[in-house]
Amino acid sequence: MIRVAIPIDIGTVAATSCSAFALATPLRVDELLKLAVYEALGTRAPQDKRERGVRTTLAGLTAGEFVIDVDGRRYARPEDVVVCAHTAALRFFATIPTRKRLRVH
């Protein structure tokens, strides 16, 4: 499980004059994955390693190799939108059992 701090979109709060966006932020799954990869690799990881990690993770999600559980809800597409507040807990679940995956390669 990876816990990710959710940024507040101050621009949306100011543009809509709605404080609800200060409490919960809508994010696309691909942006949430980017935050999760950065969190997992840490701030000291080289930028090219972080970019490769994001590309590989998004490619795996798009190919259907895994699904993501965000605070109890499952997502399988990078363009899906998640509404999160403060922090989000991400869990990754493979869609193909490990034994079958090992035989394919």
PDB file of N, CA and C in Angstrom:
ATOM      1  N   MET A   1       0.846  -1.171   0.000  1.00  0.00           N
ATOM      2  CA  MET A   1       0.000   0.000   0.000  1.00  0.00           C
ATOM      3  C   MET A   1       0.892   1.235   0.000  1.00  0.00           C
ATOM      4  N   ILE A   2       0.513   2.192  -0.788  1.00  0.00           N
ATOM      5  CA  ILE A   2       1.225   3.464  -0.857  1.00  0.00           C
ATOM      6  C   ILE A   2       0.248   4.561  -0.456  1.00  0.00           C
ATOM      7  N   ARG A   3       0.648   5.388   0.483  1.00  0.00           N
ATOM      8  CA  ARG A   3      -0.167   6.541   0.883  1.00  0.00           C
ATOM      9  C   ARG A   3       0.393   7.780   0.190  1.00  0.00           C
ATOM     10  N   VAL A   4      -0.500   8.531  -0.426  1.00  0.00           N
ATOM     11  CA  VAL A   4      -0.121   9.715  -1.198  1.00  0.00           C
ATOM     12  C   VAL A   4      -0.837  10.929  -0.637  1.00  0.00           C
ATOM     13  N   ALA A   5      -0.099  11.996  -0.408  1.00  0.00           N
ATOM     14  CA  ALA A   5      -0.704  13.263   0.011  1.00  0.00           C
ATOM     15  C   ALA A   5      -1.360  13.914  -1.205  1.00  0.00           C
ATOM     16  N   ILE A   6      -2.600  14.329  -1.046  1.00  0.00           N
ATOM     17  CA  ILE A   6      -3.365  14.924  -2.138  1.00  0.00           C
ATOM     18  C   ILE A   6      -3.228  16.442  -2.083  1.00  0.00           C
ATOM     19  N   PRO A   7      -2.754  17.047  -3.190  1.00  0.00           N
ATOM     20  CA  PRO A   7      -2.633  18.509  -3.207  1.00  0.00           C
ATOM     21  C   PRO A   7      -4.003  19.172  -3.356  1.00  0.00           C
ATOM     22  N   ILE A   8      -4.156  20.342  -2.766  1.00  0.00           N
ATOM     23  CA  ILE A   8      -5.387  21.117  -2.901  1.00  0.00           C
ATOM     24  C   ILE A   8      -5.250  22.002  -4.131  1.00  0.00           C
ATOM     25  N   ASP A   9      -6.257  22.003  -4.976  1.00  0.00           N
ATOM     26  CA  ASP A   9      -6.254  22.809  -6.190  1.00  0.00           C
ATOM     27  C   ASP A   9      -6.789  24.198  -5.858  1.00  0.00           C
ATOM     28  N   ILE A  10      -5.871  25.082  -5.460  1.00  0.00           N
ATOM     29  CA  ILE A  10      -6.244  26.446  -5.058  1.00  0.00           C
ATOM     30  C   ILE A  10      -6.874  27.210  -6.216  1.00  0.00           C
ATOM     31  N   GLY A  11      -6.408  26.964  -7.434  1.00  0.00           N
ATOM     32  CA  GLY A  11      -6.961  27.647  -8.606  1.00  0.00           C
ATOM     33  C   GLY A  11      -8.439  27.348  -8.797  1.00  0.00           C
ATOM     34  N   THR A  12      -8.823  26.107  -8.615  1.00  0.00           N
ATOM     35  CA  THR A  12     -10.235  25.728  -8.749  1.00  0.00           C
ATOM     36  C   THR A  12     -11.066  26.333  -7.628  1.00  0.00           C
ATOM     37  N   VAL A  13     -10.531  26.356  -6.430  1.00  0.00           N
ATOM     38  CA  VAL A  13     -11.246  26.955  -5.300  1.00  0.00           C
ATOM     39  C   VAL A  13     -11.488  28.442  -5.571  1.00  0.00           C
ATOM     40  N   ALA A  14     -10.475  29.132  -6.056  1.00  0.00           N
ATOM     41  CA  ALA A  14     -10.608  30.565  -6.331  1.00  0.00           C
ATOM     42  C   ALA A  14     -11.536  30.829  -7.514  1.00  0.00           C
ATOM     43  N   ALA A  15     -11.426  30.001  -8.568  1.00  0.00           N
ATOM     44  CA  ALA A  15     -12.234  30.232  -9.766  1.00  0.00           C
ATOM     45  C   ALA A  15     -13.709  29.945  -9.535  1.00  0.00           C
ATOM     46  N   THR A  16     -14.018  28.949  -8.740  1.00  0.00           N
ATOM     47  CA  THR A  16     -15.416  28.576  -8.521  1.00  0.00           C
ATOM     48  C   THR A  16     -16.017  29.190  -7.264  1.00  0.00           C
ATOM     49  N   SER A  17     -15.178  29.762  -6.421  1.00  0.00           N
ATOM     50  CA  SER A  17     -15.617  30.301  -5.126  1.00  0.00           C
ATOM     51  C   SER A  17     -16.359  29.245  -4.315  1.00  0.00           C
ATOM     52  N   CYS A  18     -15.906  28.023  -4.453  1.00  0.00           N
ATOM     53  CA  CYS A  18     -16.550  26.899  -3.773  1.00  0.00           C
ATOM     54  C   CYS A  18     -15.535  26.236  -2.850  1.00  0.00           C
ATOM     55  N   SER A  19     -15.811  26.243  -1.563  1.00  0.00           N
ATOM     56  CA  SER A  19     -14.870  25.684  -0.608  1.00  0.00           C
ATOM     57  C   SER A  19     -14.871  24.150  -0.612  1.00  0.00           C
ATOM     58  N   ALA A  20     -15.820  23.534  -1.306  1.00  0.00           N
ATOM     59  CA  ALA A  20     -15.859  22.066  -1.371  1.00  0.00           C
ATOM     60  C   ALA A  20     -14.588  21.511  -2.010  1.00  0.00           C
ATOM     61  N   PHE A  21     -14.019  22.247  -2.970  1.00  0.00           N
ATOM     62  CA  PHE A  21     -12.794  21.791  -3.629  1.00  0.00           C
ATOM     63  C   PHE A  21     -11.578  21.903  -2.714  1.00  0.00           C
ATOM     64  N   ALA A  22     -11.699  22.639  -1.629  1.00  0.00           N
ATOM     65  CA  ALA A  22     -10.613  22.691  -0.657  1.00  0.00           C
ATOM     66  C   ALA A  22     -10.643  21.449   0.238  1.00  0.00           C
ATOM     67  N   LEU A  23     -11.793  20.819   0.345  1.00  0.00           N
ATOM     68  CA  LEU A  23     -11.936  19.628   1.177  1.00  0.00           C
ATOM     69  C   LEU A  23     -11.676  18.339   0.408  1.00  0.00           C
ATOM     70  N   ALA A  24     -12.039  18.305  -0.862  1.00  0.00           N
ATOM     71  CA  ALA A  24     -11.850  17.122  -1.698  1.00  0.00           C
ATOM     72  C   ALA A  24     -11.385  17.557  -3.079  1.00  0.00           C
ATOM     73  N   THR A  25     -10.390  16.865  -3.601  1.00  0.00           N
ATOM     74  CA  THR A  25      -9.806  17.232  -4.881  1.00  0.00           C
ATOM     75  C   THR A  25     -10.053  16.132  -5.913  1.00  0.00           C
ATOM     76  N   PRO A  26     -10.645  16.475  -7.060  1.00  0.00           N
ATOM     77  CA  PRO A  26     -10.784  15.482  -8.127  1.00  0.00           C
ATOM     78  C   PRO A  26      -9.459  15.349  -8.881  1.00  0.00           C
ATOM     79  N   LEU A  27      -9.009  14.113  -9.065  1.00  0.00           N
ATOM     80  CA  LEU A  27      -7.766  13.825  -9.784  1.00  0.00           C
ATOM     81  C   LEU A  27      -7.994  12.674 -10.753  1.00  0.00           C
ATOM     82  N   ARG A  28      -7.339  12.745 -11.900  1.00  0.00           N
ATOM     83  CA  ARG A  28      -7.352  11.596 -12.805  1.00  0.00           C
ATOM     84  C   ARG A  28      -6.452  10.513 -12.226  1.00  0.00           C
ATOM     85  N   VAL A  29      -6.731   9.267 -12.540  1.00  0.00           N
ATOM     86  CA  VAL A  29      -5.953   8.144 -12.031  1.00  0.00           C
ATOM     87  C   VAL A  29      -4.500   8.239 -12.484  1.00  0.00           C
ATOM     88  N   ASP A  30      -4.246   8.708 -13.703  1.00  0.00           N
ATOM     89  CA  ASP A  30      -2.857   8.820 -14.164  1.00  0.00           C
ATOM     90  C   ASP A  30      -2.064   9.830 -13.334  1.00  0.00           C
ATOM     91  N   GLU A  31      -2.697  10.914 -12.892  1.00  0.00           N
ATOM     92  CA  GLU A  31      -2.013  11.881 -12.027  1.00  0.00           C
ATOM     93  C   GLU A  31      -1.765  11.292 -10.640  1.00  0.00           C
ATOM     94  N   LEU A  32      -2.712  10.528 -10.157  1.00  0.00           N
ATOM     95  CA  LEU A  32      -2.557   9.869  -8.862  1.00  0.00           C
ATOM     96  C   LEU A  32      -1.433   8.835  -8.915  1.00  0.00           C
ATOM     97  N   LEU A  33      -1.333   8.121 -10.044  1.00  0.00           N
ATOM     98  CA  LEU A  33      -0.235   7.163 -10.226  1.00  0.00           C
ATOM     99  C   LEU A  33       1.119   7.866 -10.247  1.00  0.00           C
ATOM    100  N   LYS A  34       1.158   9.011 -10.874  1.00  0.00           N
ATOM    101  CA  LYS A  34       2.405   9.783 -10.911  1.00  0.00           C
ATOM    102  C   LYS A  34       2.835  10.160  -9.487  1.00  0.00           C
ATOM    103  N   LEU A  35       1.891  10.624  -8.683  1.00  0.00           N
ATOM    104  CA  LEU A  35       2.204  10.953  -7.291  1.00  0.00           C
ATOM    105  C   LEU A  35       2.664   9.709  -6.521  1.00  0.00           C
ATOM    106  N   ALA A  36       2.043   8.554  -6.797  1.00  0.00           N
ATOM    107  CA  ALA A  36       2.401   7.316  -6.102  1.00  0.00           C
ATOM    108  C   ALA A  36       3.807   6.853  -6.478  1.00  0.00           C
ATOM    109  N   VAL A  37       4.162   6.958  -7.740  1.00  0.00           N
ATOM    110  CA  VAL A  37       5.513   6.561  -8.171  1.00  0.00           C
ATOM    111  C   VAL A  37       6.541   7.472  -7.530  1.00  0.00           C
ATOM    112  N   TYR A  38       6.282   8.764  -7.512  1.00  0.00           N
ATOM    113  CA  TYR A  38       7.204   9.709  -6.883  1.00  0.00           C
ATOM    114  C   TYR A  38       7.352   9.416  -5.385  1.00  0.00           C
ATOM    115  N   GLU A  39       6.244   9.061  -4.741  1.00  0.00           N
ATOM    116  CA  GLU A  39       6.280   8.731  -3.318  1.00  0.00           C
ATOM    117  C   GLU A  39       7.088   7.457  -3.075  1.00  0.00           C
ATOM    118  N   ALA A  40       6.878   6.460  -3.920  1.00  0.00           N
ATOM    119  CA  ALA A  40       7.564   5.179  -3.742  1.00  0.00           C
ATOM    120  C   ALA A  40       9.070   5.296  -3.989  1.00  0.00           C
ATOM    121  N   LEU A  41       9.462   6.078  -4.980  1.00  0.00           N
ATOM    122  CA  LEU A  41      10.890   6.214  -5.298  1.00  0.00           C
ATOM    123  C   LEU A  41      11.601   7.203  -4.385  1.00  0.00           C
ATOM    124  N   GLY A  42      10.876   8.145  -3.836  1.00  0.00           N
ATOM    125  CA  GLY A  42      11.478   9.127  -2.950  1.00  0.00           C
ATOM    126  C   GLY A  42      11.991  10.349  -3.686  1.00  0.00           C
ATOM    127  N   THR A  43      12.291  11.381  -2.928  1.00  0.00           N
ATOM    128  CA  THR A  43      12.704  12.657  -3.523  1.00  0.00           C
ATOM    129  C   THR A  43      14.130  12.625  -4.059  1.00  0.00           C
ATOM    130  N   ARG A  44      14.922  11.685  -3.594  1.00  0.00           N
ATOM    131  CA  ARG A  44      16.325  11.633  -4.030  1.00  0.00           C
ATOM    132  C   ARG A  44      16.533  10.826  -5.307  1.00  0.00           C
ATOM    133  N   ALA A  45      15.488  10.183  -5.803  1.00  0.00           N
ATOM    134  CA  ALA A  45      15.599   9.402  -7.037  1.00  0.00           C
ATOM    135  C   ALA A  45      15.836  10.340  -8.217  1.00  0.00           C
ATOM    136  N   PRO A  46      16.665   9.923  -9.170  1.00  0.00           N
ATOM    137  CA  PRO A  46      16.894  10.763 -10.351  1.00  0.00           C
ATOM    138  C   PRO A  46      15.596  10.963 -11.152  1.00  0.00           C
ATOM    139  N   GLN A  47      15.490  12.110 -11.780  1.00  0.00           N
ATOM    140  CA  GLN A  47      14.279  12.456 -12.534  1.00  0.00           C
ATOM    141  C   GLN A  47      14.001  11.442 -13.641  1.00  0.00           C
ATOM    142  N   ASP A  48      15.035  10.969 -14.348  1.00  0.00           N
ATOM    143  CA  ASP A  48      14.798  10.015 -15.430  1.00  0.00           C
ATOM    144  C   ASP A  48      14.254   8.687 -14.902  1.00  0.00           C
ATOM    145  N   LYS A  49      14.668   8.286 -13.710  1.00  0.00           N
ATOM    146  CA  LYS A  49      14.142   7.061 -13.108  1.00  0.00           C
ATOM    147  C   LYS A  49      12.670   7.227 -12.751  1.00  0.00           C
ATOM    148  N   ARG A  50      12.305   8.397 -12.234  1.00  0.00           N
ATOM    149  CA  ARG A  50      10.908   8.657 -11.915  1.00  0.00           C
ATOM    150  C   ARG A  50      10.050   8.660 -13.174  1.00  0.00           C
ATOM    151  N   GLU A  51      10.547   9.275 -14.235  1.00  0.00           N
ATOM    152  CA  GLU A  51       9.803   9.320 -15.497  1.00  0.00           C
ATOM    153  C   GLU A  51       9.623   7.925 -16.087  1.00  0.00           C
ATOM    154  N   ARG A  52      10.671   7.087 -16.027  1.00  0.00           N
ATOM    155  CA  ARG A  52      10.565   5.709 -16.507  1.00  0.00           C
ATOM    156  C   ARG A  52       9.554   4.932 -15.675  1.00  0.00           C
ATOM    157  N   GLY A  53       9.581   5.139 -14.365  1.00  0.00           N
ATOM    158  CA  GLY A  53       8.626   4.465 -13.482  1.00  0.00           C
ATOM    159  C   GLY A  53       7.190   4.834 -13.796  1.00  0.00           C
ATOM    160  N   VAL A  54       6.947   6.103 -14.064  1.00  0.00           N
ATOM    161  CA  VAL A  54       5.596   6.569 -14.398  1.00  0.00           C
ATOM    162  C   VAL A  54       5.158   5.962 -15.732  1.00  0.00           C
ATOM    163  N   ARG A  55       6.036   6.001 -16.747  1.00  0.00           N
ATOM    164  CA  ARG A  55       5.697   5.437 -18.059  1.00  0.00           C
ATOM    165  C   ARG A  55       5.384   3.946 -17.963  1.00  0.00           C
ATOM    166  N   THR A  56       6.220   3.209 -17.235  1.00  0.00           N
ATOM    167  CA  THR A  56       6.027   1.763 -17.098  1.00  0.00           C
ATOM    168  C   THR A  56       4.738   1.447 -16.357  1.00  0.00           C
ATOM    169  N   THR A  57       4.458   2.189 -15.299  1.00  0.00           N
ATOM    170  CA  THR A  57       3.245   1.958 -14.517  1.00  0.00           C
ATOM    171  C   THR A  57       1.996   2.276 -15.334  1.00  0.00           C
ATOM    172  N   LEU A  58       1.998   3.386 -16.050  1.00  0.00           N
ATOM    173  CA  LEU A  58       0.845   3.733 -16.888  1.00  0.00           C
ATOM    174  C   LEU A  58       0.657   2.725 -18.014  1.00  0.00           C
ATOM    175  N   ALA A  59       1.750   2.243 -18.592  1.00  0.00           N
ATOM    176  CA  ALA A  59       1.656   1.234 -19.657  1.00  0.00           C
ATOM    177  C   ALA A  59       1.054  -0.059 -19.116  1.00  0.00           C
ATOM    178  N   GLY A  60       1.450  -0.454 -17.912  1.00  0.00           N
ATOM    179  CA  GLY A  60       0.895  -1.657 -17.298  1.00  0.00           C
ATOM    180  C   GLY A  60      -0.590  -1.525 -16.999  1.00  0.00           C
ATOM    181  N   LEU A  61      -1.001  -0.361 -16.521  1.00  0.00           N
ATOM    182  CA  LEU A  61      -2.415  -0.126 -16.237  1.00  0.00           C
ATOM    183  C   LEU A  61      -3.224  -0.140 -17.534  1.00  0.00           C
ATOM    184  N   THR A  62      -2.723   0.521 -18.566  1.00  0.00           N
ATOM    185  CA  THR A  62      -3.407   0.576 -19.847  1.00  0.00           C
ATOM    186  C   THR A  62      -3.513  -0.812 -20.479  1.00  0.00           C
ATOM    187  N   ALA A  63      -2.472  -1.639 -20.314  1.00  0.00           N
ATOM    188  CA  ALA A  63      -2.471  -2.990 -20.874  1.00  0.00           C
ATOM    189  C   ALA A  63      -3.335  -3.957 -20.073  1.00  0.00           C
ATOM    190  N   GLY A  64      -3.819  -3.523 -18.914  1.00  0.00           N
ATOM    191  CA  GLY A  64      -4.673  -4.370 -18.098  1.00  0.00           C
ATOM    192  C   GLY A  64      -3.916  -5.369 -17.241  1.00  0.00           C
ATOM    193  N   GLU A  65      -2.640  -5.119 -16.993  1.00  0.00           N
ATOM    194  CA  GLU A  65      -1.836  -6.023 -16.173  1.00  0.00           C
ATOM    195  C   GLU A  65      -2.211  -5.946 -14.695  1.00  0.00           C
ATOM    196  N   PHE A  66      -2.779  -4.830 -14.279  1.00  0.00           N
ATOM    197  CA  PHE A  66      -3.198  -4.662 -12.897  1.00  0.00           C
ATOM    198  C   PHE A  66      -4.314  -3.638 -12.811  1.00  0.00           C
ATOM    199  N   VAL A  67      -4.977  -3.607 -11.678  1.00  0.00           N
ATOM    200  CA  VAL A  67      -5.969  -2.576 -11.365  1.00  0.00           C
ATOM    201  C   VAL A  67      -5.515  -1.887 -10.087  1.00  0.00           C
ATOM    202  N   ILE A  68      -6.050  -0.717  -9.847  1.00  0.00           N
ATOM    203  CA  ILE A  68      -5.669   0.065  -8.670  1.00  0.00           C
ATOM    204  C   ILE A  68      -6.875   0.220  -7.761  1.00  0.00           C
ATOM    205  N   ASP A  69      -6.649   0.006  -6.489  1.00  0.00           N
ATOM    206  CA  ASP A  69      -7.656   0.233  -5.473  1.00  0.00           C
ATOM    207  C   ASP A  69      -7.288   1.547  -4.786  1.00  0.00           C
ATOM    208  N   VAL A  70      -8.158   2.538  -4.889  1.00  0.00           N
ATOM    209  CA  VAL A  70      -7.933   3.840  -4.252  1.00  0.00           C
ATOM    210  C   VAL A  70      -8.996   4.014  -3.181  1.00  0.00           C
ATOM    211  N   ASP A  71      -8.575   3.930  -1.942  1.00  0.00           N
ATOM    212  CA  ASP A  71      -9.482   4.081  -0.798  1.00  0.00           C
ATOM    213  C   ASP A  71     -10.720   3.188  -0.923  1.00  0.00           C
ATOM    214  N   GLY A  72     -10.513   1.950  -1.372  1.00  0.00           N
ATOM    215  CA  GLY A  72     -11.607   0.993  -1.424  1.00  0.00           C
ATOM    216  C   GLY A  72     -12.346   0.891  -2.739  1.00  0.00           C
ATOM    217  N   ARG A  73     -12.015   1.713  -3.716  1.00  0.00           N
ATOM    218  CA  ARG A  73     -12.670   1.646  -5.034  1.00  0.00           C
ATOM    219  C   ARG A  73     -11.639   1.261  -6.078  1.00  0.00           C
ATOM    220  N   ARG A  74     -12.019   0.365  -6.972  1.00  0.00           N
ATOM    221  CA  ARG A  74     -11.083  -0.130  -7.995  1.00  0.00           C
ATOM    222  C   ARG A  74     -11.214   0.657  -9.291  1.00  0.00           C
ATOM    223  N   TYR A  75     -10.045   0.900  -9.910  1.00  0.00           N
ATOM    224  CA  TYR A  75      -9.972   1.621 -11.175  1.00  0.00           C
ATOM    225  C   TYR A  75      -9.061   0.857 -12.122  1.00  0.00           C
ATOM    226  N   ALA A  76      -9.453   0.807 -13.401  1.00  0.00           N
ATOM    227  CA  ALA A  76      -8.676   0.068 -14.390  1.00  0.00           C
ATOM    228  C   ALA A  76      -8.241   0.943 -15.558  1.00  0.00           C
ATOM    229  N   ARG A  77      -8.658   2.204 -15.584  1.00  0.00           N
ATOM    230  CA  ARG A  77      -8.318   3.090 -16.700  1.00  0.00           C
ATOM    231  C   ARG A  77      -7.654   4.359 -16.195  1.00  0.00           C
ATOM    232  N   PRO A  78      -6.610   4.822 -16.894  1.00  0.00           N
ATOM    233  CA  PRO A  78      -5.912   6.035 -16.447  1.00  0.00           C
ATOM    234  C   PRO A  78      -6.750   7.306 -16.543  1.00  0.00           C
ATOM    235  N   GLU A  79      -7.778   7.325 -17.371  1.00  0.00           N
ATOM    236  CA  GLU A  79      -8.579   8.544 -17.530  1.00  0.00           C
ATOM    237  C   GLU A  79      -9.731   8.638 -16.530  1.00  0.00           C
ATOM    238  N   ASP A  80      -9.924   7.626 -15.688  1.00  0.00           N
ATOM    239  CA  ASP A  80     -10.949   7.698 -14.645  1.00  0.00           C
ATOM    240  C   ASP A  80     -10.608   8.807 -13.650  1.00  0.00           C
ATOM    241  N   VAL A  81     -11.635   9.366 -13.017  1.00  0.00           N
ATOM    242  CA  VAL A  81     -11.447  10.457 -12.059  1.00  0.00           C
ATOM    243  C   VAL A  81     -11.760   9.964 -10.652  1.00  0.00           C
ATOM    244  N   VAL A  82     -10.865  10.327  -9.729  1.00  0.00           N
ATOM    245  CA  VAL A  82     -10.995   9.954  -8.329  1.00  0.00           C
ATOM    246  C   VAL A  82     -11.128  11.241  -7.521  1.00  0.00           C
ATOM    247  N   VAL A  83     -12.021  11.253  -6.546  1.00  0.00           N
ATOM    248  CA  VAL A  83     -12.144  12.401  -5.655  1.00  0.00           C
ATOM    249  C   VAL A  83     -11.543  11.994  -4.311  1.00  0.00           C
ATOM    250  N   CYS A  84     -10.485  12.713  -3.906  1.00  0.00           N
ATOM    251  CA  CYS A  84      -9.748  12.360  -2.691  1.00  0.00           C
ATOM    252  C   CYS A  84      -9.648  13.567  -1.759  1.00  0.00           C
ATOM    253  N   ALA A  85      -9.469  13.268  -0.492  1.00  0.00           N
ATOM    254  CA  ALA A  85      -9.269  14.310   0.506  1.00  0.00           C
ATOM    255  C   ALA A  85      -8.051  13.961   1.346  1.00  0.00           C
ATOM    256  N   HIS A  86      -7.179  14.917   1.527  1.00  0.00           N
ATOM    257  CA  HIS A  86      -5.990  14.829   2.378  1.00  0.00           C
ATOM    258  C   HIS A  86      -4.989  13.772   1.905  1.00  0.00           C
ATOM    259  N   THR A  87      -5.291  12.485   2.099  1.00  0.00           N
ATOM    260  CA  THR A  87      -4.403  11.410   1.637  1.00  0.00           C
ATOM    261  C   THR A  87      -5.236  10.328   0.955  1.00  0.00           C
ATOM    262  N   ALA A  88      -4.573   9.574   0.083  1.00  0.00           N
ATOM    263  CA  ALA A  88      -5.219   8.451  -0.585  1.00  0.00           C
ATOM    264  C   ALA A  88      -4.340   7.227  -0.403  1.00  0.00           C
ATOM    265  N   ALA A  89      -4.959   6.096  -0.143  1.00  0.00           N
ATOM    266  CA  ALA A  89      -4.243   4.827  -0.013  1.00  0.00           C
ATOM    267  C   ALA A  89      -4.428   4.053  -1.309  1.00  0.00           C
ATOM    268  N   LEU A  90      -3.309   3.739  -1.977  1.00  0.00           N
ATOM    269  CA  LEU A  90      -3.348   3.012  -3.236  1.00  0.00           C
ATOM    270  C   LEU A  90      -2.848   1.597  -3.025  1.00  0.00           C
ATOM    271  N   ARG A  91      -3.578   0.644  -3.592  1.00  0.00           N
ATOM    272  CA  ARG A  91      -3.159  -0.757  -3.607  1.00  0.00           C
ATOM    273  C   ARG A  91      -3.217  -1.216  -5.052  1.00  0.00           C
ATOM    274  N   PHE A  92      -2.246  -2.007  -5.441  1.00  0.00           N
ATOM    275  CA  PHE A  92      -2.156  -2.512  -6.797  1.00  0.00           C
ATOM    276  C   PHE A  92      -2.463  -4.005  -6.788  1.00  0.00           C
ATOM    277  N   PHE A  93      -3.369  -4.446  -7.666  1.00  0.00           N
ATOM    278  CA  PHE A  93      -3.740  -5.849  -7.758  1.00  0.00           C
ATOM    279  C   PHE A  93      -3.511  -6.346  -9.176  1.00  0.00           C
ATOM    280  N   ALA A  94      -2.716  -7.419  -9.321  1.00  0.00           N
ATOM    281  CA  ALA A  94      -2.467  -8.019 -10.627  1.00  0.00           C
ATOM    282  C   ALA A  94      -3.747  -8.664 -11.138  1.00  0.00           C
ATOM    283  N   THR A  95      -3.972  -8.577 -12.438  1.00  0.00           N
ATOM    284  CA  THR A  95      -5.149  -9.195 -13.034  1.00  0.00           C
ATOM    285  C   THR A  95      -4.846 -10.606 -13.539  1.00  0.00           C
ATOM    286  N   ILE A  96      -3.576 -10.938 -13.670  1.00  0.00           N
ATOM    287  CA  ILE A  96      -3.153 -12.267 -14.102  1.00  0.00           C
ATOM    288  C   ILE A  96      -2.426 -12.923 -12.934  1.00  0.00           C
ATOM    289  N   PRO A  97      -2.815 -14.155 -12.551  1.00  0.00           N
ATOM    290  CA  PRO A  97      -2.113 -14.829 -11.464  1.00  0.00           C
ATOM    291  C   PRO A  97      -0.618 -14.982 -11.752  1.00  0.00           C
ATOM    292  N   THR A  98       0.190 -14.939 -10.713  1.00  0.00           N
ATOM    293  CA  THR A  98       1.646 -14.990 -10.864  1.00  0.00           C
ATOM    294  C   THR A  98       2.100 -16.245 -11.597  1.00  0.00           C
ATOM    295  N   ARG A  99       1.520 -17.385 -11.314  1.00  0.00           N
ATOM    296  CA  ARG A  99       1.922 -18.632 -11.966  1.00  0.00           C
ATOM    297  C   ARG A  99       1.743 -18.555 -13.469  1.00  0.00           C
ATOM    298  N   LYS A 100       0.635 -18.004 -13.932  1.00  0.00           N
ATOM    299  CA  LYS A 100       0.401 -17.889 -15.370  1.00  0.00           C
ATOM    300  C   LYS A 100       1.351 -16.881 -15.999  1.00  0.00           C
ATOM    301  N   ARG A 101       1.624 -15.813 -15.275  1.00  0.00           N
ATOM    302  CA  ARG A 101       2.513 -14.790 -15.786  1.00  0.00           C
ATOM    303  C   ARG A 101       3.928 -15.346 -15.980  1.00  0.00           C
ATOM    304  N   LEU A 102       4.383 -16.188 -15.077  1.00  0.00           N
ATOM    305  CA  LEU A 102       5.722 -16.767 -15.167  1.00  0.00           C
ATOM    306  C   LEU A 102       5.842 -17.719 -16.343  1.00  0.00           C
ATOM    307  N   ARG A 103       4.798 -18.453 -16.681  1.00  0.00           N
ATOM    308  CA  ARG A 103       4.851 -19.373 -17.809  1.00  0.00           C
ATOM    309  C   ARG A 103       4.868 -18.668 -19.150  1.00  0.00           C
ATOM    310  N   VAL A 104       4.263 -17.499 -19.233  1.00  0.00           N
ATOM    311  CA  VAL A 104       4.183 -16.767 -20.487  1.00  0.00           C
ATOM    312  C   VAL A 104       5.555 -16.304 -20.940  1.00  0.00           C
ATOM    313  N   HIS A 105       6.387 -15.874 -20.021  1.00  0.00           N
ATOM    314  CA  HIS A 105       7.688 -15.311 -20.385  1.00  0.00           C
ATOM    315  C   HIS A 105       8.649 -16.371 -20.652  1.00  0.00           C
TER     316      HIS A 105
END
